Amino acid sequence: MPSRVDAAGKTPALRATLAACVLGASAVLSVATSAHAATATAATPLPRLDAARIEAAASAVRADPDLGGVRKESTWRFRDSTQPDAPTPPLPWLVALARWLAESGRVVVWLLAAVVLAVIVVTARRWLAVHGDPIGRRGARLPSHVRELDIRPESLPADIGTAVRELWLAGERRAALSLLYRGALSRLVHSYQVAIGDASTEGDCVRLARAALPPPRGDFVTALVDAWQLAVYGGRPLATEHVLRLCADFDRLLPAVATVAPGAQAGRR
């Protein structure tokens, strides 16, 4: 039967053996675990790299403040003179205006031509009215009315100056001036062959009379027409002395004479 001293001597040796077994088992287990992990890693395939992944990784690197980020720099450099400047596009409203003018150019030309023609016709009419030949030389029909005024000799009194004086002193001022103006037009047309037409204005009559008559008679016609225009169109009262002077000079400066030939009229001047 073993003693108590032998059992006590065997206990440390047993403990050492057990510790060595535990350490060996742990080592074996660790090696197995590492081998299994390596085997699993080798069996798992790595993710495939493509352009999108590479660009995403590069963007993450650029956005990292620790790596400096992205920095933009601007510098000056000489302009290349060999390259032409890019043409500046025309303004839209200018293009529209040019297109409208091109489309309506024909209408504008016709309108301008019509205006020029009208000016030529009016100018020619005025020139013929002033510088035309006398009525007797042209053989034209004598007008019976000038702008609704009756200038026929049979519609007028024989002594026009005296009749105008009586009307004026009787207070019939407008009738007196109308008779005076009508009488002057009748004498100019029928006695002195002045080329007055049925549409001639007061200004036309004055120009025609001054061109066909000597200065005393032409001046008298001018003064008579001025008095008529001031009273009728201007509404200005005339002095009685001025009107009576026109009545007195009427038969003296514009006497009723028979129709004369153009050559005889020059001798009367």
C-alpha atoms as a PDB file:
ATOM      1  CA  MET A   1       0.000   0.000   0.000  1.00  0.00           C
ATOM      2  CA  PRO A   2       1.650   3.255  -1.068  1.00  0.00           C
ATOM      3  CA  SER A   3       2.403   5.792   1.484  1.00  0.00           C
ATOM      4  CA  ARG A   4       1.116   9.372   1.765  1.00  0.00           C
ATOM      5  CA  VAL A   5       4.595  10.647   0.857  1.00  0.00           C
ATOM      6  CA  ASP A   6       4.481   8.888  -2.563  1.00  0.00           C
ATOM      7  CA  ALA A   7       1.113  10.393  -3.452  1.00  0.00           C
ATOM      8  CA  ALA A   8       2.367  13.836  -2.624  1.00  0.00           C
ATOM      9  CA  GLY A   9       5.445  13.340  -4.836  1.00  0.00           C
ATOM     10  CA  LYS A  10       3.377  12.270  -7.821  1.00  0.00           C
ATOM     11  CA  THR A  11       0.927  15.265  -7.802  1.00  0.00           C
ATOM     12  CA  PRO A  12       3.258  17.951  -9.364  1.00  0.00           C
ATOM     13  CA  ALA A  13       4.267  15.593 -12.150  1.00  0.00           C
ATOM     14  CA  LEU A  14       0.673  14.911 -12.964  1.00  0.00           C
ATOM     15  CA  ARG A  15      -0.160  18.574 -13.107  1.00  0.00           C
ATOM     16  CA  ALA A  16       2.749  19.248 -15.470  1.00  0.00           C
ATOM     17  CA  THR A  17       1.575  16.526 -17.785  1.00  0.00           C
ATOM     18  CA  LEU A  18      -1.943  17.881 -17.882  1.00  0.00           C
ATOM     19  CA  ALA A  19      -0.702  21.413 -18.639  1.00  0.00           C
ATOM     20  CA  ALA A  20       1.400  20.155 -21.511  1.00  0.00           C
ATOM     21  CA  CYS A  21      -1.581  18.365 -22.967  1.00  0.00           C
ATOM     22  CA  VAL A  22      -3.746  21.450 -22.751  1.00  0.00           C
ATOM     23  CA  LEU A  23      -1.089  23.597 -24.447  1.00  0.00           C
ATOM     24  CA  GLY A  24      -0.688  21.043 -27.208  1.00  0.00           C
ATOM     25  CA  ALA A  25      -4.388  20.878 -27.820  1.00  0.00           C
ATOM     26  CA  SER A  26      -4.604  24.678 -27.976  1.00  0.00           C
ATOM     27  CA  ALA A  27      -1.773  24.810 -30.486  1.00  0.00           C
ATOM     28  CA  VAL A  28      -3.420  22.202 -32.651  1.00  0.00           C
ATOM     29  CA  LEU A  29      -6.746  24.048 -32.493  1.00  0.00           C
ATOM     30  CA  SER A  30      -5.110  27.373 -33.450  1.00  0.00           C
ATOM     31  CA  VAL A  31      -3.344  25.832 -36.414  1.00  0.00           C
ATOM     32  CA  ALA A  32      -6.570  24.265 -37.592  1.00  0.00           C
ATOM     33  CA  THR A  33      -8.482  27.507 -37.269  1.00  0.00           C
ATOM     34  CA  SER A  34      -5.810  29.420 -39.271  1.00  0.00           C
ATOM     35  CA  ALA A  35      -5.813  26.780 -41.969  1.00  0.00           C
ATOM     36  CA  HIS A  36      -9.577  26.909 -42.205  1.00  0.00           C
ATOM     37  CA  ALA A  37      -9.567  30.701 -42.489  1.00  0.00           C
ATOM     38  CA  ALA A  38      -6.911  30.601 -45.176  1.00  0.00           C
ATOM     39  CA  THR A  39      -8.877  27.969 -47.034  1.00  0.00           C
ATOM     40  CA  ALA A  40     -12.080  30.092 -46.834  1.00  0.00           C
ATOM     41  CA  THR A  41     -10.254  33.189 -47.985  1.00  0.00           C
ATOM     42  CA  ALA A  42      -8.749  31.374 -50.914  1.00  0.00           C
ATOM     43  CA  ALA A  43     -12.128  29.969 -51.823  1.00  0.00           C
ATOM     44  CA  THR A  44     -13.895  33.447 -51.758  1.00  0.00           C
ATOM     45  CA  PRO A  45     -13.316  35.339 -55.092  1.00  0.00           C
ATOM     46  CA  LEU A  46     -12.121  38.972 -55.005  1.00  0.00           C
ATOM     47  CA  PRO A  47     -14.528  41.735 -56.322  1.00  0.00           C
ATOM     48  CA  ARG A  48     -14.060  42.628 -59.990  1.00  0.00           C
ATOM     49  CA  LEU A  49     -12.487  46.064 -60.695  1.00  0.00           C
ATOM     50  CA  ASP A  50     -14.175  48.238 -63.353  1.00  0.00           C
ATOM     51  CA  ALA A  51     -14.111  51.931 -64.481  1.00  0.00           C
ATOM     52  CA  ALA A  52     -16.984  52.940 -62.187  1.00  0.00           C
ATOM     53  CA  ARG A  53     -15.285  51.500 -59.077  1.00  0.00           C
ATOM     54  CA  ILE A  54     -11.967  53.088 -60.017  1.00  0.00           C
ATOM     55  CA  GLU A  55     -13.609  56.481 -60.590  1.00  0.00           C
ATOM     56  CA  ALA A  56     -15.500  56.232 -57.289  1.00  0.00           C
ATOM     57  CA  ALA A  57     -12.274  55.427 -55.449  1.00  0.00           C
ATOM     58  CA  ALA A  58     -10.463  58.305 -57.153  1.00  0.00           C
ATOM     59  CA  SER A  59     -13.292  60.727 -56.250  1.00  0.00           C
ATOM     60  CA  ALA A  60     -13.107  59.621 -52.640  1.00  0.00           C
ATOM     61  CA  VAL A  61      -9.359  60.208 -52.625  1.00  0.00           C
ATOM     62  CA  ARG A  62      -9.766  63.685 -54.173  1.00  0.00           C
ATOM     63  CA  ALA A  63     -12.482  64.629 -51.679  1.00  0.00           C
ATOM     64  CA  ASP A  64     -10.326  63.649 -48.727  1.00  0.00           C
ATOM     65  CA  PRO A  65      -9.072  66.904 -47.106  1.00  0.00           C
ATOM     66  CA  ASP A  66      -5.973  65.162 -45.842  1.00  0.00           C
ATOM     67  CA  LEU A  67      -4.836  64.552 -49.432  1.00  0.00           C
ATOM     68  CA  GLY A  68      -5.147  68.239 -50.547  1.00  0.00           C
ATOM     69  CA  GLY A  69      -8.346  68.065 -52.663  1.00  0.00           C
ATOM     70  CA  VAL A  70      -8.616  69.793 -56.086  1.00  0.00           C
ATOM     71  CA  ARG A  71      -7.171  73.279 -56.782  1.00  0.00           C
ATOM     72  CA  LYS A  72      -7.871  75.482 -59.840  1.00  0.00           C
ATOM     73  CA  GLU A  73      -5.378  78.050 -61.134  1.00  0.00           C
ATOM     74  CA  SER A  74      -5.868  80.780 -63.803  1.00  0.00           C
ATOM     75  CA  THR A  75      -2.980  82.218 -65.795  1.00  0.00           C
ATOM     76  CA  TRP A  76      -2.616  84.866 -68.541  1.00  0.00           C
ATOM     77  CA  ARG A  77      -1.197  83.994 -71.915  1.00  0.00           C
ATOM     78  CA  PHE A  78      -0.750  85.779 -75.233  1.00  0.00           C
ATOM     79  CA  ARG A  79      -3.553  85.527 -77.717  1.00  0.00           C
ATOM     80  CA  ASP A  80      -2.900  83.624 -80.921  1.00  0.00           C
ATOM     81  CA  SER A  81      -3.136  86.264 -83.678  1.00  0.00           C
ATOM     82  CA  THR A  82      -3.142  83.676 -86.442  1.00  0.00           C
ATOM     83  CA  GLN A  83      -6.623  82.461 -85.526  1.00  0.00           C
ATOM     84  CA  PRO A  84      -9.459  84.718 -86.805  1.00  0.00           C
ATOM     85  CA  ASP A  85     -12.055  86.042 -84.392  1.00  0.00           C
ATOM     86  CA  ALA A  86     -15.359  84.271 -84.295  1.00  0.00           C
ATOM     87  CA  PRO A  87     -17.987  86.254 -86.247  1.00  0.00           C
ATOM     88  CA  THR A  88     -20.511  88.095 -84.109  1.00  0.00           C
ATOM     89  CA  PRO A  89     -24.062  86.986 -84.913  1.00  0.00           C
ATOM     90  CA  PRO A  90     -26.342  89.848 -86.077  1.00  0.00           C
ATOM     91  CA  LEU A  91     -29.059  91.147 -83.803  1.00  0.00           C
ATOM     92  CA  PRO A  92     -32.417  89.394 -84.279  1.00  0.00           C
ATOM     93  CA  TRP A  93     -34.371  92.654 -84.666  1.00  0.00           C
ATOM     94  CA  LEU A  94     -31.917  93.860 -87.311  1.00  0.00           C
ATOM     95  CA  VAL A  95     -32.346  90.652 -89.281  1.00  0.00           C
ATOM     96  CA  ALA A  96     -36.136  90.980 -89.055  1.00  0.00           C
ATOM     97  CA  LEU A  97     -35.982  94.606 -90.213  1.00  0.00           C
ATOM     98  CA  ALA A  98     -33.805  93.725 -93.203  1.00  0.00           C
ATOM     99  CA  ARG A  99     -36.169  90.918 -94.171  1.00  0.00           C
ATOM    100  CA  TRP A 100     -39.193  93.250 -93.913  1.00  0.00           C
ATOM    101  CA  LEU A 101     -37.512  95.901 -96.037  1.00  0.00           C
ATOM    102  CA  ALA A 102     -36.609  93.334 -98.646  1.00  0.00           C
ATOM    103  CA  GLU A 103     -40.171  92.071 -98.816  1.00  0.00           C
ATOM    104  CA  SER A 104     -41.825  95.517 -98.875  1.00  0.00           C
ATOM    105  CA  GLY A 105     -39.201  97.240-101.017  1.00  0.00           C
ATOM    106  CA  ARG A 106     -41.299  96.992-104.149  1.00  0.00           C
ATOM    107  CA  VAL A 107     -44.282  98.653-102.455  1.00  0.00           C
ATOM    108  CA  VAL A 108     -42.088 101.479-101.162  1.00  0.00           C
ATOM    109  CA  VAL A 109     -40.645 102.067-104.626  1.00  0.00           C
ATOM    110  CA  TRP A 110     -44.125 102.283-106.160  1.00  0.00           C
ATOM    111  CA  LEU A 111     -45.270 104.711-103.459  1.00  0.00           C
ATOM    112  CA  LEU A 112     -42.251 106.941-104.019  1.00  0.00           C
ATOM    113  CA  ALA A 113     -42.860 106.872-107.760  1.00  0.00           C
ATOM    114  CA  ALA A 114     -46.498 107.892-107.216  1.00  0.00           C
ATOM    115  CA  VAL A 115     -45.464 110.794-104.972  1.00  0.00           C
ATOM    116  CA  VAL A 116     -42.890 112.016-107.490  1.00  0.00           C
ATOM    117  CA  LEU A 117     -45.449 111.803-110.297  1.00  0.00           C
ATOM    118  CA  ALA A 118     -47.998 113.774-108.269  1.00  0.00           C
ATOM    119  CA  VAL A 119     -45.428 116.487-107.519  1.00  0.00           C
ATOM    120  CA  ILE A 120     -44.520 116.718-111.211  1.00  0.00           C
ATOM    121  CA  VAL A 121     -48.177 117.028-112.246  1.00  0.00           C
ATOM    122  CA  VAL A 122     -48.931 119.747-109.697  1.00  0.00           C
ATOM    123  CA  THR A 123     -45.775 121.658-110.565  1.00  0.00           C
ATOM    124  CA  ALA A 124     -46.507 121.458-114.293  1.00  0.00           C
ATOM    125  CA  ARG A 125     -50.058 122.671-113.710  1.00  0.00           C
ATOM    126  CA  ARG A 126     -48.841 125.653-111.691  1.00  0.00           C
ATOM    127  CA  TRP A 127     -46.199 126.482-114.264  1.00  0.00           C
ATOM    128  CA  LEU A 128     -48.673 126.342-117.146  1.00  0.00           C
ATOM    129  CA  ALA A 129     -51.126 128.480-115.204  1.00  0.00           C
ATOM    130  CA  VAL A 130     -48.535 131.212-114.737  1.00  0.00           C
ATOM    131  CA  HIS A 131     -46.425 130.927-117.881  1.00  0.00           C
ATOM    132  CA  GLY A 132     -49.018 129.600-120.321  1.00  0.00           C
ATOM    133  CA  ASP A 133     -49.957 131.392-123.525  1.00  0.00           C
ATOM    134  CA  PRO A 134     -52.821 133.865-123.477  1.00  0.00           C
ATOM    135  CA  ILE A 135     -56.305 132.481-123.880  1.00  0.00           C
ATOM    136  CA  GLY A 136     -56.807 133.983-127.344  1.00  0.00           C
ATOM    137  CA  ARG A 137     -53.584 132.430-128.630  1.00  0.00           C
ATOM    138  CA  ARG A 138     -54.485 128.990-127.252  1.00  0.00           C
ATOM    139  CA  GLY A 139     -58.059 129.174-128.509  1.00  0.00           C
ATOM    140  CA  ALA A 140     -59.319 127.791-125.180  1.00  0.00           C
ATOM    141  CA  ARG A 141     -62.859 128.269-123.953  1.00  0.00           C
ATOM    142  CA  LEU A 142     -63.270 131.284-121.705  1.00  0.00           C
ATOM    143  CA  PRO A 143     -64.368 130.354-118.181  1.00  0.00           C
ATOM    144  CA  SER A 144     -67.742 131.576-117.037  1.00  0.00           C
ATOM    145  CA  HIS A 145     -67.056 130.946-113.364  1.00  0.00           C
ATOM    146  CA  VAL A 146     -63.915 131.015-111.238  1.00  0.00           C
ATOM    147  CA  ARG A 147     -64.405 128.973-108.077  1.00  0.00           C
ATOM    148  CA  GLU A 148     -68.194 129.481-108.098  1.00  0.00           C
ATOM    149  CA  LEU A 149     -67.883 133.199-108.833  1.00  0.00           C
ATOM    150  CA  ASP A 150     -69.779 134.296-111.941  1.00  0.00           C
ATOM    151  CA  ILE A 151     -67.461 136.404-114.131  1.00  0.00           C
ATOM    152  CA  ARG A 152     -69.595 136.653-117.257  1.00  0.00           C
ATOM    153  CA  PRO A 153     -69.751 140.265-118.479  1.00  0.00           C
ATOM    154  CA  GLU A 154     -73.543 140.111-118.754  1.00  0.00           C
ATOM    155  CA  SER A 155     -73.800 139.231-115.049  1.00  0.00           C
ATOM    156  CA  LEU A 156     -71.998 142.445-114.033  1.00  0.00           C
ATOM    157  CA  PRO A 157     -73.090 146.095-114.086  1.00  0.00           C
ATOM    158  CA  ALA A 158     -71.641 148.391-116.729  1.00  0.00           C
ATOM    159  CA  ASP A 159     -70.060 150.729-114.134  1.00  0.00           C
ATOM    160  CA  ILE A 160     -68.554 148.317-111.660  1.00  0.00           C
ATOM    161  CA  GLY A 161     -66.732 150.972-109.598  1.00  0.00           C
ATOM    162  CA  THR A 162     -69.875 153.024-108.986  1.00  0.00           C
ATOM    163  CA  ALA A 163     -71.956 149.915-108.144  1.00  0.00           C
ATOM    164  CA  VAL A 164     -69.353 148.741-105.604  1.00  0.00           C
ATOM    165  CA  ARG A 165     -69.266 152.218-104.013  1.00  0.00           C
ATOM    166  CA  GLU A 166     -73.039 152.267-103.555  1.00  0.00           C
ATOM    167  CA  LEU A 167     -73.096 148.785-101.998  1.00  0.00           C
ATOM    168  CA  TRP A 168     -70.286 149.663 -99.604  1.00  0.00           C
ATOM    169  CA  LEU A 169     -71.872 152.909 -98.421  1.00  0.00           C
ATOM    170  CA  ALA A 170     -75.194 151.060 -98.000  1.00  0.00           C
ATOM    171  CA  GLY A 171     -73.507 148.710 -95.531  1.00  0.00           C
ATOM    172  CA  GLU A 172     -73.420 145.663 -97.785  1.00  0.00           C
ATOM    173  CA  ARG A 173     -69.685 145.189 -97.361  1.00  0.00           C
ATOM    174  CA  ARG A 174     -69.328 141.544 -98.447  1.00  0.00           C
ATOM    175  CA  ALA A 175     -71.524 142.008-101.529  1.00  0.00           C
ATOM    176  CA  ALA A 176     -69.475 145.080-102.491  1.00  0.00           C
ATOM    177  CA  LEU A 177     -66.151 143.233-102.207  1.00  0.00           C
ATOM    178  CA  SER A 178     -67.537 140.209-104.075  1.00  0.00           C
ATOM    179  CA  LEU A 179     -68.680 142.432-106.944  1.00  0.00           C
ATOM    180  CA  LEU A 180     -65.295 144.169-106.994  1.00  0.00           C
ATOM    181  CA  TYR A 181     -63.381 140.860-107.159  1.00  0.00           C
ATOM    182  CA  ARG A 182     -65.734 139.351-109.772  1.00  0.00           C
ATOM    183  CA  GLY A 183     -65.439 142.458-111.912  1.00  0.00           C
ATOM    184  CA  ALA A 184     -61.647 142.333-111.786  1.00  0.00           C
ATOM    185  CA  LEU A 185     -61.585 138.669-112.833  1.00  0.00           C
ATOM    186  CA  SER A 186     -64.030 139.343-115.675  1.00  0.00           C
ATOM    187  CA  ARG A 187     -61.943 142.243-117.000  1.00  0.00           C
ATOM    188  CA  LEU A 188     -58.735 140.202-116.787  1.00  0.00           C
ATOM    189  CA  VAL A 189     -60.221 137.243-118.696  1.00  0.00           C
ATOM    190  CA  HIS A 190     -62.442 138.947-121.277  1.00  0.00           C
ATOM    191  CA  SER A 191     -60.598 142.228-121.895  1.00  0.00           C
ATOM    192  CA  TYR A 192     -56.923 141.392-121.283  1.00  0.00           C
ATOM    193  CA  GLN A 193     -56.850 137.664-122.099  1.00  0.00           C
ATOM    194  CA  VAL A 194     -55.166 136.680-118.852  1.00  0.00           C
ATOM    195  CA  ALA A 195     -55.091 132.863-118.700  1.00  0.00           C
ATOM    196  CA  ILE A 196     -57.227 132.477-115.582  1.00  0.00           C
ATOM    197  CA  GLY A 197     -58.974 129.112-115.286  1.00  0.00           C
ATOM    198  CA  ASP A 198     -62.105 128.072-113.481  1.00  0.00           C
ATOM    199  CA  ALA A 199     -59.990 126.513-110.682  1.00  0.00           C
ATOM    200  CA  SER A 200     -57.459 129.333-110.305  1.00  0.00           C
ATOM    201  CA  THR A 201     -56.850 130.559-106.778  1.00  0.00           C
ATOM    202  CA  GLU A 202     -56.347 134.151-105.682  1.00  0.00           C
ATOM    203  CA  GLY A 203     -52.603 133.624-105.759  1.00  0.00           C
ATOM    204  CA  ASP A 204     -52.797 132.216-109.300  1.00  0.00           C
ATOM    205  CA  CYS A 205     -54.810 135.225-110.463  1.00  0.00           C
ATOM    206  CA  VAL A 206     -52.271 137.656-109.013  1.00  0.00           C
ATOM    207  CA  ARG A 207     -49.308 135.880-110.618  1.00  0.00           C
ATOM    208  CA  LEU A 208     -51.039 135.637-113.984  1.00  0.00           C
ATOM    209  CA  ALA A 209     -52.095 139.287-113.907  1.00  0.00           C
ATOM    210  CA  ARG A 210     -48.630 140.546-112.990  1.00  0.00           C
ATOM    211  CA  ALA A 211     -47.109 138.417-115.758  1.00  0.00           C
ATOM    212  CA  ALA A 212     -49.568 139.692-118.408  1.00  0.00           C
ATOM    213  CA  LEU A 213     -50.116 143.340-117.390  1.00  0.00           C
ATOM    214  CA  PRO A 214     -47.838 146.362-116.921  1.00  0.00           C
ATOM    215  CA  PRO A 215     -46.850 147.288-113.333  1.00  0.00           C
ATOM    216  CA  PRO A 216     -49.620 149.873-112.606  1.00  0.00           C
ATOM    217  CA  ARG A 217     -52.374 147.433-113.516  1.00  0.00           C
ATOM    218  CA  GLY A 218     -50.637 144.469-111.949  1.00  0.00           C
ATOM    219  CA  ASP A 219     -50.160 146.420-108.699  1.00  0.00           C
ATOM    220  CA  PHE A 220     -53.825 147.397-108.699  1.00  0.00           C
ATOM    221  CA  VAL A 221     -54.940 143.775-109.109  1.00  0.00           C
ATOM    222  CA  THR A 222     -52.614 142.771-106.249  1.00  0.00           C
ATOM    223  CA  ALA A 223     -54.074 145.422-103.926  1.00  0.00           C
ATOM    224  CA  LEU A 224     -57.650 144.463-104.879  1.00  0.00           C
ATOM    225  CA  VAL A 225     -57.078 140.729-104.251  1.00  0.00           C
ATOM    226  CA  ASP A 226     -55.312 141.464-100.941  1.00  0.00           C
ATOM    227  CA  ALA A 227     -58.327 143.493 -99.772  1.00  0.00           C
ATOM    228  CA  TRP A 228     -60.663 140.657-100.780  1.00  0.00           C
ATOM    229  CA  GLN A 229     -58.636 138.043 -98.877  1.00  0.00           C
ATOM    230  CA  LEU A 230     -58.233 140.173 -95.742  1.00  0.00           C
ATOM    231  CA  ALA A 231     -61.959 140.863 -95.481  1.00  0.00           C
ATOM    232  CA  VAL A 232     -63.398 137.499 -96.568  1.00  0.00           C
ATOM    233  CA  TYR A 233     -60.825 134.986 -95.309  1.00  0.00           C
ATOM    234  CA  GLY A 234     -59.098 136.999 -92.618  1.00  0.00           C
ATOM    235  CA  GLY A 235     -62.217 138.637 -91.190  1.00  0.00           C
ATOM    236  CA  ARG A 236     -60.457 142.002 -90.890  1.00  0.00           C
ATOM    237  CA  PRO A 237     -62.454 145.208 -91.477  1.00  0.00           C
ATOM    238  CA  LEU A 238     -61.299 147.436 -94.303  1.00  0.00           C
ATOM    239  CA  ALA A 239     -61.099 151.214 -94.145  1.00  0.00           C
ATOM    240  CA  THR A 240     -63.762 152.970 -96.188  1.00  0.00           C
ATOM    241  CA  GLU A 241     -61.144 155.237 -97.760  1.00  0.00           C
ATOM    242  CA  HIS A 242     -59.214 152.212 -99.053  1.00  0.00           C
ATOM    243  CA  VAL A 243     -62.305 150.623-100.608  1.00  0.00           C
ATOM    244  CA  LEU A 244     -63.474 153.880-102.207  1.00  0.00           C
ATOM    245  CA  ARG A 245     -59.990 154.350-103.674  1.00  0.00           C
ATOM    246  CA  LEU A 246     -60.217 150.913-105.281  1.00  0.00           C
ATOM    247  CA  CYS A 247     -63.640 151.860-106.719  1.00  0.00           C
ATOM    248  CA  ALA A 248     -62.263 155.076-108.188  1.00  0.00           C
ATOM    249  CA  ASP A 249     -59.243 153.346-109.759  1.00  0.00           C
ATOM    250  CA  PHE A 250     -61.171 150.365-111.096  1.00  0.00           C
ATOM    251  CA  ASP A 251     -62.370 151.777-114.434  1.00  0.00           C
ATOM    252  CA  ARG A 252     -59.185 153.792-114.825  1.00  0.00           C
ATOM    253  CA  LEU A 253     -56.742 150.897-114.450  1.00  0.00           C
ATOM    254  CA  LEU A 254     -58.987 148.054-115.676  1.00  0.00           C
ATOM    255  CA  PRO A 255     -61.244 149.608-118.290  1.00  0.00           C
ATOM    256  CA  ALA A 256     -63.581 147.411-120.289  1.00  0.00           C
ATOM    257  CA  VAL A 257     -62.099 147.059-123.743  1.00  0.00           C
ATOM    258  CA  ALA A 258     -62.851 144.856-126.705  1.00  0.00           C
ATOM    259  CA  THR A 259     -60.960 141.619-127.030  1.00  0.00           C
ATOM    260  CA  VAL A 260     -57.562 142.435-128.448  1.00  0.00           C
ATOM    261  CA  ALA A 261     -54.878 140.437-130.106  1.00  0.00           C
ATOM    262  CA  PRO A 262     -51.699 139.753-128.175  1.00  0.00           C
ATOM    263  CA  GLY A 263     -49.698 142.190-130.304  1.00  0.00           C
ATOM    264  CA  ALA A 264     -52.173 145.020-129.756  1.00  0.00           C
ATOM    265  CA  GLN A 265     -52.093 144.480-125.994  1.00  0.00           C
ATOM    266  CA  ALA A 266     -48.364 145.218-125.919  1.00  0.00           C
ATOM    267  CA  GLY A 267     -49.016 148.628-127.542  1.00  0.00           C
ATOM    268  CA  ARG A 268     -51.616 149.425-124.848  1.00  0.00           C
ATOM    269  CA  ARG A 269     -49.018 149.029-122.152  1.00  0.00           C
END
